[in-house]
Amino acid sequence: MPGRTHDLTAARTHRIVKTCVRLRIPALADMAYTGAGGTFAVPTRRPARKELSPGQRSLNRAHARLRHPVERGVATAKRWRIFRHARCSPNWLTSAAKAVLTLELHH
């Protein structure tokens, strides 16, 4: 989808949200998925002109710690030129992306 498309709109268009809910697949998501509902867990948002409680901050830290390896893997995949200029089978790119994530997890 075009880059200006919001994350949640793209996920709904491709039925990712419905599929995760139907199959009961838990998903750790960023703040862009606020309102997705179902099995999507997002960090707690800070209320206007207030602070988060220590428990909420702790939950947000745990959420970030779990999402960290995937975020690093995606950032690495975006940096690698092979994914931008690939002229091969998408199946091979899926395998390459899995390899990048595996390398990031064991880095």
C-alpha atoms as a PDB file:
ATOM      1  CA  MET A   1       0.000   0.000   0.000  1.00  0.00           C
ATOM      2  CA  PRO A   2       1.189   3.593  -0.441  1.00  0.00           C
ATOM      3  CA  GLY A   3       3.448   4.892   2.310  1.00  0.00           C
ATOM      4  CA  ARG A   4       0.890   7.460   3.418  1.00  0.00           C
ATOM      5  CA  THR A   5      -1.561   4.708   4.404  1.00  0.00           C
ATOM      6  CA  HIS A   6      -1.988   4.432   8.174  1.00  0.00           C
ATOM      7  CA  ASP A   7      -0.778   1.166   9.755  1.00  0.00           C
ATOM      8  CA  LEU A   8      -4.175   0.248  11.187  1.00  0.00           C
ATOM      9  CA  THR A   9      -5.950   0.981   7.893  1.00  0.00           C
ATOM     10  CA  ALA A  10      -3.497  -1.260   6.036  1.00  0.00           C
ATOM     11  CA  ALA A  11      -3.910  -4.026   8.620  1.00  0.00           C
ATOM     12  CA  ARG A  12      -7.684  -3.841   8.338  1.00  0.00           C
ATOM     13  CA  THR A  13      -7.572  -3.735   4.520  1.00  0.00           C
ATOM     14  CA  HIS A  14      -5.474  -6.911   4.444  1.00  0.00           C
ATOM     15  CA  ARG A  15      -7.684  -8.489   7.143  1.00  0.00           C
ATOM     16  CA  ILE A  16      -4.796  -8.910   9.562  1.00  0.00           C
ATOM     17  CA  VAL A  17      -6.842  -7.674  12.525  1.00  0.00           C
ATOM     18  CA  LYS A  18      -9.794  -9.997  11.788  1.00  0.00           C
ATOM     19  CA  THR A  19      -7.505 -12.972  11.217  1.00  0.00           C
ATOM     20  CA  CYS A  20      -5.662 -12.437  14.503  1.00  0.00           C
ATOM     21  CA  VAL A  21      -8.955 -12.140  16.386  1.00  0.00           C
ATOM     22  CA  ARG A  22     -10.515 -15.168  14.665  1.00  0.00           C
ATOM     23  CA  LEU A  23      -7.460 -17.375  15.263  1.00  0.00           C
ATOM     24  CA  ARG A  24      -6.839 -15.850  18.717  1.00  0.00           C
ATOM     25  CA  ILE A  25      -3.302 -14.849  17.790  1.00  0.00           C
ATOM     26  CA  PRO A  26      -1.888 -12.356  20.298  1.00  0.00           C
ATOM     27  CA  ALA A  27      -0.122  -9.394  18.692  1.00  0.00           C
ATOM     28  CA  LEU A  28       2.226  -6.903  20.316  1.00  0.00           C
ATOM     29  CA  ALA A  29       1.721  -3.672  18.420  1.00  0.00           C
ATOM     30  CA  ASP A  30       2.826  -0.061  18.622  1.00  0.00           C
ATOM     31  CA  MET A  31       0.618   2.941  19.367  1.00  0.00           C
ATOM     32  CA  ALA A  32      -0.544   3.083  15.733  1.00  0.00           C
ATOM     33  CA  TYR A  33      -2.751   0.055  16.448  1.00  0.00           C
ATOM     34  CA  THR A  34      -4.654   1.714  19.294  1.00  0.00           C
ATOM     35  CA  GLY A  35      -8.296   0.871  18.727  1.00  0.00           C
ATOM     36  CA  ALA A  36      -7.636  -2.346  16.825  1.00  0.00           C
ATOM     37  CA  GLY A  37      -9.125  -4.258  19.732  1.00  0.00           C
ATOM     38  CA  GLY A  38      -9.171  -8.015  19.878  1.00  0.00           C
ATOM     39  CA  THR A  39      -5.821  -9.591  20.576  1.00  0.00           C
ATOM     40  CA  PHE A  40      -3.718  -6.485  19.841  1.00  0.00           C
ATOM     41  CA  ALA A  41      -1.747  -5.302  22.876  1.00  0.00           C
ATOM     42  CA  VAL A  42      -0.516  -1.712  22.675  1.00  0.00           C
ATOM     43  CA  PRO A  43       1.399   0.401  25.209  1.00  0.00           C
ATOM     44  CA  THR A  44      -0.545   2.551  27.638  1.00  0.00           C
ATOM     45  CA  ARG A  45      -0.879   6.122  26.448  1.00  0.00           C
ATOM     46  CA  ARG A  46      -0.021   8.955  28.824  1.00  0.00           C
ATOM     47  CA  PRO A  47      -3.112  10.988  29.752  1.00  0.00           C
ATOM     48  CA  ALA A  48      -3.073  14.712  28.887  1.00  0.00           C
ATOM     49  CA  ARG A  49      -1.097  16.718  31.438  1.00  0.00           C
ATOM     50  CA  LYS A  50      -0.664  13.669  33.689  1.00  0.00           C
ATOM     51  CA  GLU A  51       1.948  11.003  34.230  1.00  0.00           C
ATOM     52  CA  LEU A  52       1.663   7.243  33.939  1.00  0.00           C
ATOM     53  CA  SER A  53       1.531   5.258  37.154  1.00  0.00           C
ATOM     54  CA  PRO A  54       4.604   3.162  38.035  1.00  0.00           C
ATOM     55  CA  GLY A  55       2.671   0.025  37.073  1.00  0.00           C
ATOM     56  CA  GLN A  56       1.756   1.426  33.674  1.00  0.00           C
ATOM     57  CA  ARG A  57       5.363   2.501  33.041  1.00  0.00           C
ATOM     58  CA  SER A  58       6.535  -0.983  33.994  1.00  0.00           C
ATOM     59  CA  LEU A  59       4.021  -2.532  31.603  1.00  0.00           C
ATOM     60  CA  ASN A  60       5.176  -0.241  28.781  1.00  0.00           C
ATOM     61  CA  ARG A  61       8.823  -1.181  29.436  1.00  0.00           C
ATOM     62  CA  ALA A  62       7.972  -4.898  29.323  1.00  0.00           C
ATOM     63  CA  HIS A  63       6.026  -4.342  26.094  1.00  0.00           C
ATOM     64  CA  ALA A  64       8.977  -2.514  24.527  1.00  0.00           C
ATOM     65  CA  ARG A  65      11.404  -5.218  25.664  1.00  0.00           C
ATOM     66  CA  LEU A  66       9.319  -7.879  23.902  1.00  0.00           C
ATOM     67  CA  ARG A  67       8.984  -5.828  20.691  1.00  0.00           C
ATOM     68  CA  HIS A  68      12.648  -4.818  20.550  1.00  0.00           C
ATOM     69  CA  PRO A  69      14.038  -7.792  18.555  1.00  0.00           C
ATOM     70  CA  VAL A  70      11.383  -7.459  15.848  1.00  0.00           C
ATOM     71  CA  GLU A  71      11.859  -3.691  15.567  1.00  0.00           C
ATOM     72  CA  ARG A  72      15.621  -4.191  15.184  1.00  0.00           C
ATOM     73  CA  GLY A  73      15.066  -6.900  12.576  1.00  0.00           C
ATOM     74  CA  VAL A  74      12.747  -4.688  10.536  1.00  0.00           C
ATOM     75  CA  ALA A  75      15.206  -1.788  10.739  1.00  0.00           C
ATOM     76  CA  THR A  76      18.015  -4.080   9.570  1.00  0.00           C
ATOM     77  CA  ALA A  77      15.923  -5.437   6.702  1.00  0.00           C
ATOM     78  CA  LYS A  78      15.132  -1.885   5.563  1.00  0.00           C
ATOM     79  CA  ARG A  79      18.847  -1.007   5.572  1.00  0.00           C
ATOM     80  CA  TRP A  80      19.810  -3.981   3.442  1.00  0.00           C
ATOM     81  CA  ARG A  81      19.675  -2.990  -0.217  1.00  0.00           C
ATOM     82  CA  ILE A  82      18.824  -6.496  -1.353  1.00  0.00           C
ATOM     83  CA  PHE A  83      15.217  -6.016  -0.314  1.00  0.00           C
ATOM     84  CA  ARG A  84      14.864  -2.741  -2.213  1.00  0.00           C
ATOM     85  CA  HIS A  85      16.299  -3.970  -5.498  1.00  0.00           C
ATOM     86  CA  ALA A  86      15.334  -7.636  -5.467  1.00  0.00           C
ATOM     87  CA  ARG A  87      14.214  -9.188  -8.732  1.00  0.00           C
ATOM     88  CA  CYS A  88      13.670 -12.681  -7.448  1.00  0.00           C
ATOM     89  CA  SER A  89      10.870 -14.828  -6.108  1.00  0.00           C
ATOM     90  CA  PRO A  90       8.950 -13.375  -3.144  1.00  0.00           C
ATOM     91  CA  ASN A  91       9.330 -16.797  -1.525  1.00  0.00           C
ATOM     92  CA  TRP A  92      13.091 -16.278  -1.413  1.00  0.00           C
ATOM     93  CA  LEU A  93      12.614 -12.834   0.118  1.00  0.00           C
ATOM     94  CA  THR A  94      10.471 -14.359   2.871  1.00  0.00           C
ATOM     95  CA  SER A  95      13.288 -16.780   3.664  1.00  0.00           C
ATOM     96  CA  ALA A  96      15.816 -13.957   3.634  1.00  0.00           C
ATOM     97  CA  ALA A  97      13.659 -11.865   5.972  1.00  0.00           C
ATOM     98  CA  LYS A  98      13.380 -14.807   8.379  1.00  0.00           C
ATOM     99  CA  ALA A  99      17.163 -15.174   8.277  1.00  0.00           C
ATOM    100  CA  VAL A 100      17.623 -11.479   9.106  1.00  0.00           C
ATOM    101  CA  LEU A 101      15.281 -11.766  12.084  1.00  0.00           C
ATOM    102  CA  THR A 102      17.068 -14.915  13.276  1.00  0.00           C
ATOM    103  CA  LEU A 103      20.432 -13.188  13.048  1.00  0.00           C
ATOM    104  CA  GLU A 104      19.069 -10.214  15.004  1.00  0.00           C
ATOM    105  CA  LEU A 105      17.680 -12.460  17.733  1.00  0.00           C
ATOM    106  CA  HIS A 106      21.040 -14.189  18.194  1.00  0.00           C
ATOM    107  CA  HIS A 107      23.149 -11.055  17.851  1.00  0.00           C
END
